[in-house]
């Protein structure tokens, strides 16, 4: 499951809905609201813009809260450093926003995978 190709799932409505819900849940735990219009075609852009703004603010004002949020999401510093080398033209907030969306999508896919495995057995 580690090497899943998340590109295959980005257009599946239920997976998108679950990913948005996971992002909203995790960010709300830290007092940050995420809105979603319900437009599946715009879900990534909506999430990315909002997350980037929240993350930019946390990077500037509250690194402890940012660290706690990233811990909750299960996104380690090595992933961020690696992504910064791969995308040097991106801002740190944009890099983290992208990684958060991908990590949350992987969480949803893993949860669905194990739910399906349990229902088969």
PDB file of N, CA and C in Angstrom:
ATOM      1  N   UNK A   1       0.825  -1.196   0.000  1.00  0.00           N
ATOM      2  CA  UNK A   1       0.000   0.000   0.000  1.00  0.00           C
ATOM      3  C   UNK A   1       0.873   1.266   0.000  1.00  0.00           C
ATOM      4  N   UNK A   2       2.121   1.156   0.435  1.00  0.00           N
ATOM      5  CA  UNK A   2       3.009   2.325   0.519  1.00  0.00           C
ATOM      6  C   UNK A   2       3.271   2.958  -0.838  1.00  0.00           C
ATOM      7  N   UNK A   3       3.379   2.141  -1.878  1.00  0.00           N
ATOM      8  CA  UNK A   3       3.727   2.651  -3.196  1.00  0.00           C
ATOM      9  C   UNK A   3       2.504   2.873  -4.089  1.00  0.00           C
ATOM     10  N   UNK A   4       1.395   3.213  -3.495  1.00  0.00           N
ATOM     11  CA  UNK A   4       0.186   3.432  -4.279  1.00  0.00           C
ATOM     12  C   UNK A   4       0.323   4.666  -5.157  1.00  0.00           C
ATOM     13  N   UNK A   5      -0.310   4.627  -6.298  1.00  0.00           N
ATOM     14  CA  UNK A   5      -0.315   5.765  -7.203  1.00  0.00           C
ATOM     15  C   UNK A   5      -1.562   6.588  -6.910  1.00  0.00           C
ATOM     16  N   UNK A   6      -1.389   7.666  -6.149  1.00  0.00           N
ATOM     17  CA  UNK A   6      -2.548   8.442  -5.733  1.00  0.00           C
ATOM     18  C   UNK A   6      -3.222   9.156  -6.895  1.00  0.00           C
ATOM     19  N   UNK A   7      -2.514   9.326  -7.998  1.00  0.00           N
ATOM     20  CA  UNK A   7      -3.112   9.974  -9.164  1.00  0.00           C
ATOM     21  C   UNK A   7      -4.357   9.219  -9.628  1.00  0.00           C
ATOM     22  N   UNK A   8      -4.365   7.907  -9.445  1.00  0.00           N
ATOM     23  CA  UNK A   8      -5.507   7.090  -9.866  1.00  0.00           C
ATOM     24  C   UNK A   8      -6.772   7.408  -9.078  1.00  0.00           C
ATOM     25  N   UNK A   9      -6.624   7.977  -7.899  1.00  0.00           N
ATOM     26  CA  UNK A   9      -7.767   8.173  -7.009  1.00  0.00           C
ATOM     27  C   UNK A   9      -8.244   9.623  -6.928  1.00  0.00           C
ATOM     28  N   UNK A  10      -7.493  10.538  -7.526  1.00  0.00           N
ATOM     29  CA  UNK A  10      -7.820  11.954  -7.392  1.00  0.00           C
ATOM     30  C   UNK A  10      -9.149  12.346  -8.025  1.00  0.00           C
ATOM     31  N   UNK A  11      -9.683  11.516  -8.894  1.00  0.00           N
ATOM     32  CA  UNK A  11     -10.936  11.867  -9.564  1.00  0.00           C
ATOM     33  C   UNK A  11     -12.124  11.067  -9.044  1.00  0.00           C
ATOM     34  N   UNK A  12     -11.928  10.229  -8.058  1.00  0.00           N
ATOM     35  CA  UNK A  12     -13.027   9.427  -7.513  1.00  0.00           C
ATOM     36  C   UNK A  12     -13.751  10.246  -6.444  1.00  0.00           C
ATOM     37  N   UNK A  13     -15.011  10.538  -6.700  1.00  0.00           N
ATOM     38  CA  UNK A  13     -15.788  11.446  -5.849  1.00  0.00           C
ATOM     39  C   UNK A  13     -15.799  11.051  -4.381  1.00  0.00           C
ATOM     40  N   UNK A  14     -16.025   9.795  -4.092  1.00  0.00           N
ATOM     41  CA  UNK A  14     -16.108   9.376  -2.686  1.00  0.00           C
ATOM     42  C   UNK A  14     -14.761   9.525  -1.990  1.00  0.00           C
ATOM     43  N   UNK A  15     -13.689   9.200  -2.678  1.00  0.00           N
ATOM     44  CA  UNK A  15     -12.354   9.357  -2.101  1.00  0.00           C
ATOM     45  C   UNK A  15     -12.049  10.839  -1.879  1.00  0.00           C
ATOM     46  N   UNK A  16     -12.424  11.674  -2.825  1.00  0.00           N
ATOM     47  CA  UNK A  16     -12.222  13.123  -2.673  1.00  0.00           C
ATOM     48  C   UNK A  16     -13.007  13.619  -1.473  1.00  0.00           C
ATOM     49  N   UNK A  17     -14.258  13.224  -1.367  1.00  0.00           N
ATOM     50  CA  UNK A  17     -15.112  13.652  -0.249  1.00  0.00           C
ATOM     51  C   UNK A  17     -14.504  13.233   1.096  1.00  0.00           C
ATOM     52  N   UNK A  18     -14.032  11.994   1.161  1.00  0.00           N
ATOM     53  CA  UNK A  18     -13.424  11.494   2.393  1.00  0.00           C
ATOM     54  C   UNK A  18     -12.120  12.231   2.718  1.00  0.00           C
ATOM     55  N   UNK A  19     -11.347  12.542   1.700  1.00  0.00           N
ATOM     56  CA  UNK A  19     -10.085  13.264   1.902  1.00  0.00           C
ATOM     57  C   UNK A  19     -10.359  14.672   2.412  1.00  0.00           C
ATOM     58  N   UNK A  20     -11.319  15.346   1.812  1.00  0.00           N
ATOM     59  CA  UNK A  20     -11.690  16.690   2.274  1.00  0.00           C
ATOM     60  C   UNK A  20     -12.141  16.625   3.730  1.00  0.00           C
ATOM     61  N   UNK A  21     -12.957  15.644   4.058  1.00  0.00           N
ATOM     62  CA  UNK A  21     -13.440  15.495   5.441  1.00  0.00           C
ATOM     63  C   UNK A  21     -12.275  15.256   6.408  1.00  0.00           C
ATOM     64  N   UNK A  22     -11.298  14.457   5.997  1.00  0.00           N
ATOM     65  CA  UNK A  22     -10.132  14.187   6.846  1.00  0.00           C
ATOM     66  C   UNK A  22      -9.314  15.457   7.069  1.00  0.00           C
ATOM     67  N   UNK A  23      -9.102  16.230   6.010  1.00  0.00           N
ATOM     68  CA  UNK A  23      -8.368  17.495   6.128  1.00  0.00           C
ATOM     69  C   UNK A  23      -9.120  18.444   7.056  1.00  0.00           C
ATOM     70  N   UNK A  24     -10.426  18.551   6.854  1.00  0.00           N
ATOM     71  CA  UNK A  24     -11.238  19.442   7.686  1.00  0.00           C
ATOM     72  C   UNK A  24     -11.153  19.032   9.154  1.00  0.00           C
ATOM     73  N   UNK A  25     -11.232  17.742   9.416  1.00  0.00           N
ATOM     74  CA  UNK A  25     -11.170  17.225  10.784  1.00  0.00           C
ATOM     75  C   UNK A  25      -9.827  17.561  11.432  1.00  0.00           C
ATOM     76  N   UNK A  26      -8.731  17.254  10.740  1.00  0.00           N
ATOM     77  CA  UNK A  26      -7.412  17.488  11.314  1.00  0.00           C
ATOM     78  C   UNK A  26      -7.139  18.972  11.551  1.00  0.00           C
ATOM     79  N   UNK A  27      -7.506  19.815  10.607  1.00  0.00           N
ATOM     80  CA  UNK A  27      -7.251  21.245  10.774  1.00  0.00           C
ATOM     81  C   UNK A  27      -8.172  21.853  11.827  1.00  0.00           C
ATOM     82  N   UNK A  28      -9.401  21.355  11.930  1.00  0.00           N
ATOM     83  CA  UNK A  28     -10.316  21.903  12.936  1.00  0.00           C
ATOM     84  C   UNK A  28      -9.833  21.612  14.352  1.00  0.00           C
ATOM     85  N   UNK A  29      -9.104  20.510  14.529  1.00  0.00           N
ATOM     86  CA  UNK A  29      -8.539  20.186  15.845  1.00  0.00           C
ATOM     87  C   UNK A  29      -7.578  21.280  16.321  1.00  0.00           C
ATOM     88  N   UNK A  30      -7.077  22.071  15.393  1.00  0.00           N
ATOM     89  CA  UNK A  30      -6.134  23.132  15.714  1.00  0.00           C
ATOM     90  C   UNK A  30      -6.727  24.518  15.461  1.00  0.00           C
ATOM     91  N   UNK A  31      -8.069  24.565  15.422  1.00  0.00           N
ATOM     92  CA  UNK A  31      -8.774  25.838  15.321  1.00  0.00           C
ATOM     93  C   UNK A  31      -8.763  26.488  13.959  1.00  0.00           C
ATOM     94  N   UNK A  32      -8.565  25.705  12.911  1.00  0.00           N
ATOM     95  CA  UNK A  32      -8.530  26.259  11.558  1.00  0.00           C
ATOM     96  C   UNK A  32      -9.663  25.660  10.736  1.00  0.00           C
ATOM     97  N   UNK A  33     -10.472  26.531  10.179  1.00  0.00           N
ATOM     98  CA  UNK A  33     -11.602  26.086   9.371  1.00  0.00           C
ATOM     99  C   UNK A  33     -11.197  25.934   7.915  1.00  0.00           C
ATOM    100  N   UNK A  34     -11.693  24.882   7.319  1.00  0.00           N
ATOM    101  CA  UNK A  34     -11.513  24.619   5.895  1.00  0.00           C
ATOM    102  C   UNK A  34     -12.912  24.510   5.300  1.00  0.00           C
ATOM    103  N   UNK A  35     -13.161  25.269   4.251  1.00  0.00           N
ATOM    104  CA  UNK A  35     -14.469  25.241   3.584  1.00  0.00           C
ATOM    105  C   UNK A  35     -14.351  24.441   2.296  1.00  0.00           C
ATOM    106  N   UNK A  36     -15.450  23.792   1.922  1.00  0.00           N
ATOM    107  CA  UNK A  36     -15.481  23.051   0.671  1.00  0.00           C
ATOM    108  C   UNK A  36     -16.823  23.275  -0.004  1.00  0.00           C
ATOM    109  N   UNK A  37     -16.779  23.697  -1.261  1.00  0.00           N
ATOM    110  CA  UNK A  37     -17.986  24.021  -2.013  1.00  0.00           C
ATOM    111  C   UNK A  37     -18.763  22.776  -2.432  1.00  0.00           C
ATOM    112  N   UNK A  38     -18.098  21.632  -2.439  1.00  0.00           N
ATOM    113  CA  UNK A  38     -18.720  20.414  -2.929  1.00  0.00           C
ATOM    114  C   UNK A  38     -18.413  20.138  -4.388  1.00  0.00           C
ATOM    115  N   UNK A  39     -17.752  21.079  -5.043  1.00  0.00           N
ATOM    116  CA  UNK A  39     -17.373  20.923  -6.442  1.00  0.00           C
ATOM    117  C   UNK A  39     -16.152  20.007  -6.522  1.00  0.00           C
ATOM    118  N   UNK A  40     -16.368  18.764  -6.943  1.00  0.00           N
ATOM    119  CA  UNK A  40     -15.291  17.769  -6.968  1.00  0.00           C
ATOM    120  C   UNK A  40     -14.147  18.186  -7.888  1.00  0.00           C
ATOM    121  N   UNK A  41     -14.457  18.862  -8.966  1.00  0.00           N
ATOM    122  CA  UNK A  41     -13.422  19.294  -9.897  1.00  0.00           C
ATOM    123  C   UNK A  41     -12.515  20.368  -9.337  1.00  0.00           C
ATOM    124  N   UNK A  42     -12.984  21.081  -8.333  1.00  0.00           N
ATOM    125  CA  UNK A  42     -12.204  22.157  -7.731  1.00  0.00           C
ATOM    126  C   UNK A  42     -11.676  21.805  -6.345  1.00  0.00           C
ATOM    127  N   UNK A  43     -11.912  20.590  -5.890  1.00  0.00           N
ATOM    128  CA  UNK A  43     -11.547  20.200  -4.527  1.00  0.00           C
ATOM    129  C   UNK A  43     -10.066  20.427  -4.239  1.00  0.00           C
ATOM    130  N   UNK A  44      -9.203  19.975  -5.119  1.00  0.00           N
ATOM    131  CA  UNK A  44      -7.767  20.129  -4.885  1.00  0.00           C
ATOM    132  C   UNK A  44      -7.401  21.604  -4.762  1.00  0.00           C
ATOM    133  N   UNK A  45      -7.849  22.418  -5.718  1.00  0.00           N
ATOM    134  CA  UNK A  45      -7.511  23.847  -5.695  1.00  0.00           C
ATOM    135  C   UNK A  45      -8.056  24.539  -4.450  1.00  0.00           C
ATOM    136  N   UNK A  46      -9.286  24.205  -4.078  1.00  0.00           N
ATOM    137  CA  UNK A  46      -9.878  24.799  -2.871  1.00  0.00           C
ATOM    138  C   UNK A  46      -9.053  24.445  -1.643  1.00  0.00           C
ATOM    139  N   UNK A  47      -8.747  23.171  -1.497  1.00  0.00           N
ATOM    140  CA  UNK A  47      -7.954  22.733  -0.346  1.00  0.00           C
ATOM    141  C   UNK A  47      -6.574  23.366  -0.361  1.00  0.00           C
ATOM    142  N   UNK A  48      -5.915  23.300  -1.500  1.00  0.00           N
ATOM    143  CA  UNK A  48      -4.540  23.787  -1.599  1.00  0.00           C
ATOM    144  C   UNK A  48      -4.441  25.256  -1.188  1.00  0.00           C
ATOM    145  N   UNK A  49      -5.308  26.095  -1.707  1.00  0.00           N
ATOM    146  CA  UNK A  49      -5.262  27.531  -1.389  1.00  0.00           C
ATOM    147  C   UNK A  49      -5.490  27.786   0.096  1.00  0.00           C
ATOM    148  N   UNK A  50      -6.487  27.127   0.659  1.00  0.00           N
ATOM    149  CA  UNK A  50      -6.787  27.335   2.080  1.00  0.00           C
ATOM    150  C   UNK A  50      -5.677  26.810   2.981  1.00  0.00           C
ATOM    151  N   UNK A  51      -5.190  25.621   2.670  1.00  0.00           N
ATOM    152  CA  UNK A  51      -4.126  25.034   3.483  1.00  0.00           C
ATOM    153  C   UNK A  51      -2.875  25.887   3.408  1.00  0.00           C
ATOM    154  N   UNK A  52      -2.538  26.339   2.219  1.00  0.00           N
ATOM    155  CA  UNK A  52      -1.345  27.156   2.054  1.00  0.00           C
ATOM    156  C   UNK A  52      -1.427  28.427   2.906  1.00  0.00           C
ATOM    157  N   UNK A  53      -2.591  29.060   2.941  1.00  0.00           N
ATOM    158  CA  UNK A  53      -2.757  30.278   3.759  1.00  0.00           C
ATOM    159  C   UNK A  53      -2.607  29.962   5.242  1.00  0.00           C
ATOM    160  N   UNK A  54      -3.264  28.906   5.702  1.00  0.00           N
ATOM    161  CA  UNK A  54      -3.151  28.526   7.116  1.00  0.00           C
ATOM    162  C   UNK A  54      -1.694  28.187   7.462  1.00  0.00           C
ATOM    163  N   UNK A  55      -1.047  27.437   6.590  1.00  0.00           N
ATOM    164  CA  UNK A  55       0.322  27.009   6.850  1.00  0.00           C
ATOM    165  C   UNK A  55       1.292  28.185   6.812  1.00  0.00           C
ATOM    166  N   UNK A  56       1.068  29.097   5.904  1.00  0.00           N
ATOM    167  CA  UNK A  56       1.900  30.306   5.834  1.00  0.00           C
ATOM    168  C   UNK A  56       1.823  31.075   7.154  1.00  0.00           C
ATOM    169  N   UNK A  57       0.610  31.208   7.677  1.00  0.00           N
ATOM    170  CA  UNK A  57       0.415  31.911   8.946  1.00  0.00           C
ATOM    171  C   UNK A  57       1.097  31.160  10.092  1.00  0.00           C
ATOM    172  N   UNK A  58       0.949  29.833  10.120  1.00  0.00           N
ATOM    173  CA  UNK A  58       1.594  29.047  11.177  1.00  0.00           C
ATOM    174  C   UNK A  58       3.117  29.116  11.083  1.00  0.00           C
ATOM    175  N   UNK A  59       3.649  29.071   9.887  1.00  0.00           N
ATOM    176  CA  UNK A  59       5.099  29.166   9.708  1.00  0.00           C
ATOM    177  C   UNK A  59       5.633  30.500  10.243  1.00  0.00           C
ATOM    178  N   UNK A  60       4.843  31.549  10.094  1.00  0.00           N
ATOM    179  CA  UNK A  60       5.274  32.876  10.525  1.00  0.00           C
ATOM    180  C   UNK A  60       5.035  33.137  12.008  1.00  0.00           C
ATOM    181  N   UNK A  61       4.009  32.504  12.581  1.00  0.00           N
ATOM    182  CA  UNK A  61       3.601  32.911  13.932  1.00  0.00           C
ATOM    183  C   UNK A  61       3.573  31.816  14.982  1.00  0.00           C
ATOM    184  N   UNK A  62       3.444  30.543  14.592  1.00  0.00           N
ATOM    185  CA  UNK A  62       3.224  29.509  15.609  1.00  0.00           C
ATOM    186  C   UNK A  62       3.777  28.160  15.154  1.00  0.00           C
ATOM    187  N   UNK A  63       5.091  28.039  15.204  1.00  0.00           N
ATOM    188  CA  UNK A  63       5.733  26.806  14.737  1.00  0.00           C
ATOM    189  C   UNK A  63       5.422  25.610  15.635  1.00  0.00           C
ATOM    190  N   UNK A  64       5.136  25.850  16.905  1.00  0.00           N
ATOM    191  CA  UNK A  64       4.769  24.744  17.788  1.00  0.00           C
ATOM    192  C   UNK A  64       3.433  24.137  17.377  1.00  0.00           C
ATOM    193  N   UNK A  65       2.469  25.000  17.062  1.00  0.00           N
ATOM    194  CA  UNK A  65       1.165  24.510  16.602  1.00  0.00           C
ATOM    195  C   UNK A  65       1.301  23.814  15.249  1.00  0.00           C
ATOM    196  N   UNK A  66       2.155  24.358  14.397  1.00  0.00           N
ATOM    197  CA  UNK A  66       2.418  23.718  13.100  1.00  0.00           C
ATOM    198  C   UNK A  66       3.001  22.325  13.313  1.00  0.00           C
ATOM    199  N   UNK A  67       3.968  22.205  14.197  1.00  0.00           N
ATOM    200  CA  UNK A  67       4.579  20.899  14.474  1.00  0.00           C
ATOM    201  C   UNK A  67       3.537  19.915  14.998  1.00  0.00           C
ATOM    202  N   UNK A  68       2.660  20.378  15.870  1.00  0.00           N
ATOM    203  CA  UNK A  68       1.610  19.503  16.409  1.00  0.00           C
ATOM    204  C   UNK A  68       0.640  19.077  15.307  1.00  0.00           C
ATOM    205  N   UNK A  69       0.289  19.990  14.429  1.00  0.00           N
ATOM    206  CA  UNK A  69      -0.597  19.679  13.301  1.00  0.00           C
ATOM    207  C   UNK A  69       0.052  18.641  12.391  1.00  0.00           C
ATOM    208  N   UNK A  70       1.299  18.847  12.044  1.00  0.00           N
ATOM    209  CA  UNK A  70       1.993  17.917  11.159  1.00  0.00           C
ATOM    210  C   UNK A  70       2.149  16.548  11.816  1.00  0.00           C
ATOM    211  N   UNK A  71       2.338  16.531  13.127  1.00  0.00           N
ATOM    212  CA  UNK A  71       2.402  15.264  13.859  1.00  0.00           C
ATOM    213  C   UNK A  71       1.049  14.549  13.768  1.00  0.00           C
ATOM    214  N   UNK A  72      -0.034  15.294  13.955  1.00  0.00           N
ATOM    215  CA  UNK A  72      -1.384  14.727  13.863  1.00  0.00           C
ATOM    216  C   UNK A  72      -1.629  14.118  12.482  1.00  0.00           C
ATOM    217  N   UNK A  73      -1.162  14.807  11.457  1.00  0.00           N
ATOM    218  CA  UNK A  73      -1.357  14.357  10.080  1.00  0.00           C
ATOM    219  C   UNK A  73      -0.382  13.230   9.731  1.00  0.00           C
ATOM    220  N   UNK A  74       0.666  13.105  10.508  1.00  0.00           N
ATOM    221  CA  UNK A  74       1.716  12.106  10.295  1.00  0.00           C
ATOM    222  C   UNK A  74       2.580  12.484   9.099  1.00  0.00           C
ATOM    223  N   UNK A  75       3.043  13.725   9.134  1.00  0.00           N
ATOM    224  CA  UNK A  75       3.909  14.245   8.078  1.00  0.00           C
ATOM    225  C   UNK A  75       5.210  14.695   8.733  1.00  0.00           C
ATOM    226  N   UNK A  76       6.277  13.958   8.460  1.00  0.00           N
ATOM    227  CA  UNK A  76       7.550  14.221   9.103  1.00  0.00           C
ATOM    228  C   UNK A  76       8.400  15.255   8.385  1.00  0.00           C
ATOM    229  N   UNK A  77       9.382  15.780   9.090  1.00  0.00           N
ATOM    230  CA  UNK A  77      10.248  16.823   8.515  1.00  0.00           C
ATOM    231  C   UNK A  77      11.059  16.340   7.321  1.00  0.00           C
ATOM    232  N   UNK A  78      11.394  15.059   7.284  1.00  0.00           N
ATOM    233  CA  UNK A  78      12.179  14.547   6.158  1.00  0.00           C
ATOM    234  C   UNK A  78      11.403  14.639   4.848  1.00  0.00           C
ATOM    235  N   UNK A  79      10.092  14.418   4.912  1.00  0.00           N
ATOM    236  CA  UNK A  79       9.258  14.545   3.710  1.00  0.00           C
ATOM    237  C   UNK A  79       9.275  15.970   3.191  1.00  0.00           C
ATOM    238  N   UNK A  80       9.230  16.921   4.111  1.00  0.00           N
ATOM    239  CA  UNK A  80       9.211  18.337   3.733  1.00  0.00           C
ATOM    240  C   UNK A  80      10.558  18.736   3.123  1.00  0.00           C
ATOM    241  N   UNK A  81      11.637  18.323   3.766  1.00  0.00           N
ATOM    242  CA  UNK A  81      12.973  18.646   3.262  1.00  0.00           C
ATOM    243  C   UNK A  81      13.183  18.042   1.880  1.00  0.00           C
ATOM    244  N   UNK A  82      12.787  16.797   1.712  1.00  0.00           N
ATOM    245  CA  UNK A  82      12.916  16.127   0.422  1.00  0.00           C
ATOM    246  C   UNK A  82      12.122  16.870  -0.653  1.00  0.00           C
ATOM    247  N   UNK A  83      10.902  17.269  -0.329  1.00  0.00           N
ATOM    248  CA  UNK A  83      10.058  17.983  -1.296  1.00  0.00           C
ATOM    249  C   UNK A  83      10.641  19.356  -1.628  1.00  0.00           C
ATOM    250  N   UNK A  84      11.270  19.995  -0.655  1.00  0.00           N
ATOM    251  CA  UNK A  84      11.881  21.306  -0.922  1.00  0.00           C
ATOM    252  C   UNK A  84      13.025  21.187  -1.931  1.00  0.00           C
ATOM    253  N   UNK A  85      13.776  20.102  -1.874  1.00  0.00           N
ATOM    254  CA  UNK A  85      14.838  19.888  -2.861  1.00  0.00           C
ATOM    255  C   UNK A  85      14.263  19.622  -4.243  1.00  0.00           C
ATOM    256  N   UNK A  86      13.133  18.932  -4.289  1.00  0.00           N
ATOM    257  CA  UNK A  86      12.515  18.595  -5.574  1.00  0.00           C
ATOM    258  C   UNK A  86      11.771  19.775  -6.191  1.00  0.00           C
ATOM    259  N   UNK A  87      11.271  20.672  -5.350  1.00  0.00           N
ATOM    260  CA  UNK A  87      10.485  21.823  -5.825  1.00  0.00           C
ATOM    261  C   UNK A  87      11.045  23.130  -5.251  1.00  0.00           C
ATOM    262  N   UNK A  88      12.279  23.492  -5.581  1.00  0.00           N
ATOM    263  CA  UNK A  88      12.892  24.675  -4.956  1.00  0.00           C
ATOM    264  C   UNK A  88      12.173  25.991  -5.268  1.00  0.00           C
ATOM    265  N   UNK A  89      11.376  26.006  -6.324  1.00  0.00           N
ATOM    266  CA  UNK A  89      10.674  27.244  -6.685  1.00  0.00           C
ATOM    267  C   UNK A  89       9.379  27.444  -5.882  1.00  0.00           C
ATOM    268  N   UNK A  90       8.946  26.435  -5.169  1.00  0.00           N
ATOM    269  CA  UNK A  90       7.713  26.519  -4.383  1.00  0.00           C
ATOM    270  C   UNK A  90       8.010  27.122  -3.012  1.00  0.00           C
ATOM    271  N   UNK A  91       7.021  27.782  -2.441  1.00  0.00           N
ATOM    272  CA  UNK A  91       7.152  28.273  -1.069  1.00  0.00           C
ATOM    273  C   UNK A  91       7.025  27.092  -0.113  1.00  0.00           C
ATOM    274  N   UNK A  92       7.536  27.259   1.089  1.00  0.00           N
ATOM    275  CA  UNK A  92       7.449  26.177   2.078  1.00  0.00           C
ATOM    276  C   UNK A  92       5.980  25.868   2.390  1.00  0.00           C
ATOM    277  N   UNK A  93       5.140  26.891   2.494  1.00  0.00           N
ATOM    278  CA  UNK A  93       3.717  26.673   2.778  1.00  0.00           C
ATOM    279  C   UNK A  93       3.059  25.858   1.662  1.00  0.00           C
ATOM    280  N   UNK A  94       3.387  26.154   0.412  1.00  0.00           N
ATOM    281  CA  UNK A  94       2.817  25.410  -0.710  1.00  0.00           C
ATOM    282  C   UNK A  94       3.294  23.959  -0.716  1.00  0.00           C
ATOM    283  N   UNK A  95       4.551  23.759  -0.406  1.00  0.00           N
ATOM    284  CA  UNK A  95       5.095  22.397  -0.342  1.00  0.00           C
ATOM    285  C   UNK A  95       4.370  21.597   0.732  1.00  0.00           C
ATOM    286  N   UNK A  96       4.220  22.191   1.909  1.00  0.00           N
ATOM    287  CA  UNK A  96       3.555  21.474   2.997  1.00  0.00           C
ATOM    288  C   UNK A  96       2.095  21.228   2.660  1.00  0.00           C
ATOM    289  N   UNK A  97       1.430  22.204   2.036  1.00  0.00           N
ATOM    290  CA  UNK A  97       0.024  22.029   1.647  1.00  0.00           C
ATOM    291  C   UNK A  97      -0.124  20.832   0.711  1.00  0.00           C
ATOM    292  N   UNK A  98       0.753  20.734  -0.274  1.00  0.00           N
ATOM    293  CA  UNK A  98       0.726  19.616  -1.214  1.00  0.00           C
ATOM    294  C   UNK A  98       0.948  18.289  -0.480  1.00  0.00           C
ATOM    295  N   UNK A  99       1.927  18.254   0.409  1.00  0.00           N
ATOM    296  CA  UNK A  99       2.223  17.037   1.161  1.00  0.00           C
ATOM    297  C   UNK A  99       1.064  16.646   2.075  1.00  0.00           C
ATOM    298  N   UNK A 100       0.420  17.637   2.684  1.00  0.00           N
ATOM    299  CA  UNK A 100      -0.727  17.361   3.561  1.00  0.00           C
ATOM    300  C   UNK A 100      -1.850  16.709   2.761  1.00  0.00           C
ATOM    301  N   UNK A 101      -2.169  17.270   1.618  1.00  0.00           N
ATOM    302  CA  UNK A 101      -3.247  16.711   0.797  1.00  0.00           C
ATOM    303  C   UNK A 101      -2.917  15.270   0.403  1.00  0.00           C
ATOM    304  N   UNK A 102      -1.700  15.033  -0.019  1.00  0.00           N
ATOM    305  CA  UNK A 102      -1.308  13.678  -0.415  1.00  0.00           C
ATOM    306  C   UNK A 102      -1.330  12.727   0.768  1.00  0.00           C
ATOM    307  N   UNK A 103      -0.871  13.172   1.931  1.00  0.00           N
ATOM    308  CA  UNK A 103      -0.854  12.308   3.115  1.00  0.00           C
ATOM    309  C   UNK A 103      -2.276  11.968   3.555  1.00  0.00           C
ATOM    310  N   UNK A 104      -3.157  12.967   3.540  1.00  0.00           N
ATOM    311  CA  UNK A 104      -4.544  12.737   3.936  1.00  0.00           C
ATOM    312  C   UNK A 104      -5.230  11.795   2.956  1.00  0.00           C
ATOM    313  N   UNK A 105      -4.927  11.923   1.675  1.00  0.00           N
ATOM    314  CA  UNK A 105      -5.481  11.017   0.672  1.00  0.00           C
ATOM    315  C   UNK A 105      -4.992   9.592   0.931  1.00  0.00           C
ATOM    316  N   UNK A 106      -3.722   9.447   1.248  1.00  0.00           N
ATOM    317  CA  UNK A 106      -3.195   8.109   1.548  1.00  0.00           C
ATOM    318  C   UNK A 106      -3.869   7.520   2.785  1.00  0.00           C
ATOM    319  N   UNK A 107      -4.133   8.349   3.792  1.00  0.00           N
ATOM    320  CA  UNK A 107      -4.847   7.867   4.986  1.00  0.00           C
ATOM    321  C   UNK A 107      -6.206   7.309   4.603  1.00  0.00           C
ATOM    322  N   UNK A 108      -6.919   8.039   3.774  1.00  0.00           N
ATOM    323  CA  UNK A 108      -8.250   7.617   3.332  1.00  0.00           C
ATOM    324  C   UNK A 108      -8.152   6.299   2.561  1.00  0.00           C
ATOM    325  N   UNK A 109      -7.194   6.209   1.659  1.00  0.00           N
ATOM    326  CA  UNK A 109      -7.042   4.991   0.869  1.00  0.00           C
ATOM    327  C   UNK A 109      -6.690   3.798   1.750  1.00  0.00           C
ATOM    328  N   UNK A 110      -5.814   4.004   2.716  1.00  0.00           N
ATOM    329  CA  UNK A 110      -5.460   2.918   3.639  1.00  0.00           C
ATOM    330  C   UNK A 110      -6.655   2.490   4.473  1.00  0.00           C
ATOM    331  N   UNK A 111      -7.399   3.457   4.983  1.00  0.00           N
ATOM    332  CA  UNK A 111      -8.585   3.140   5.786  1.00  0.00           C
ATOM    333  C   UNK A 111      -9.586   2.344   4.945  1.00  0.00           C
ATOM    334  N   UNK A 112      -9.819   2.775   3.714  1.00  0.00           N
ATOM    335  CA  UNK A 112     -10.754   2.068   2.833  1.00  0.00           C
ATOM    336  C   UNK A 112     -10.243   0.673   2.486  1.00  0.00           C
ATOM    337  N   UNK A 113      -8.954   0.550   2.261  1.00  0.00           N
ATOM    338  CA  UNK A 113      -8.359  -0.746   1.943  1.00  0.00           C
ATOM    339  C   UNK A 113      -8.591  -1.734   3.088  1.00  0.00           C
ATOM    340  N   UNK A 114      -8.289  -1.302   4.316  1.00  0.00           N
ATOM    341  CA  UNK A 114      -8.448  -2.211   5.454  1.00  0.00           C
ATOM    342  C   UNK A 114      -9.911  -2.464   5.783  1.00  0.00           C
ATOM    343  N   UNK A 115     -10.774  -1.498   5.538  1.00  0.00           N
ATOM    344  CA  UNK A 115     -12.207  -1.707   5.735  1.00  0.00           C
ATOM    345  C   UNK A 115     -12.699  -2.779   4.763  1.00  0.00           C
ATOM    346  N   UNK A 116     -12.244  -2.695   3.520  1.00  0.00           N
ATOM    347  CA  UNK A 116     -12.632  -3.701   2.521  1.00  0.00           C
ATOM    348  C   UNK A 116     -12.062  -5.071   2.845  1.00  0.00           C
ATOM    349  N   UNK A 117     -10.845  -5.114   3.375  1.00  0.00           N
ATOM    350  CA  UNK A 117     -10.233  -6.391   3.749  1.00  0.00           C
ATOM    351  C   UNK A 117     -11.026  -7.035   4.888  1.00  0.00           C
ATOM    352  N   UNK A 118     -11.430  -6.232   5.867  1.00  0.00           N
ATOM    353  CA  UNK A 118     -12.202  -6.765   6.999  1.00  0.00           C
ATOM    354  C   UNK A 118     -13.581  -7.241   6.575  1.00  0.00           C
ATOM    355  N   UNK A 119     -14.182  -6.568   5.617  1.00  0.00           N
ATOM    356  CA  UNK A 119     -15.524  -6.984   5.183  1.00  0.00           C
ATOM    357  C   UNK A 119     -15.472  -8.257   4.349  1.00  0.00           C
ATOM    358  N   UNK A 120     -14.326  -8.557   3.750  1.00  0.00           N
ATOM    359  CA  UNK A 120     -14.177  -9.790   2.972  1.00  0.00           C
ATOM    360  C   UNK A 120     -13.978 -11.011   3.865  1.00  0.00           C
ATOM    361  N   UNK A 121     -13.390 -10.767   5.037  1.00  0.00           N
ATOM    362  CA  UNK A 121     -13.058 -11.900   5.905  1.00  0.00           C
ATOM    363  C   UNK A 121     -14.090 -12.102   6.911  1.00  0.00           C
TER     364      UNK A 121
END
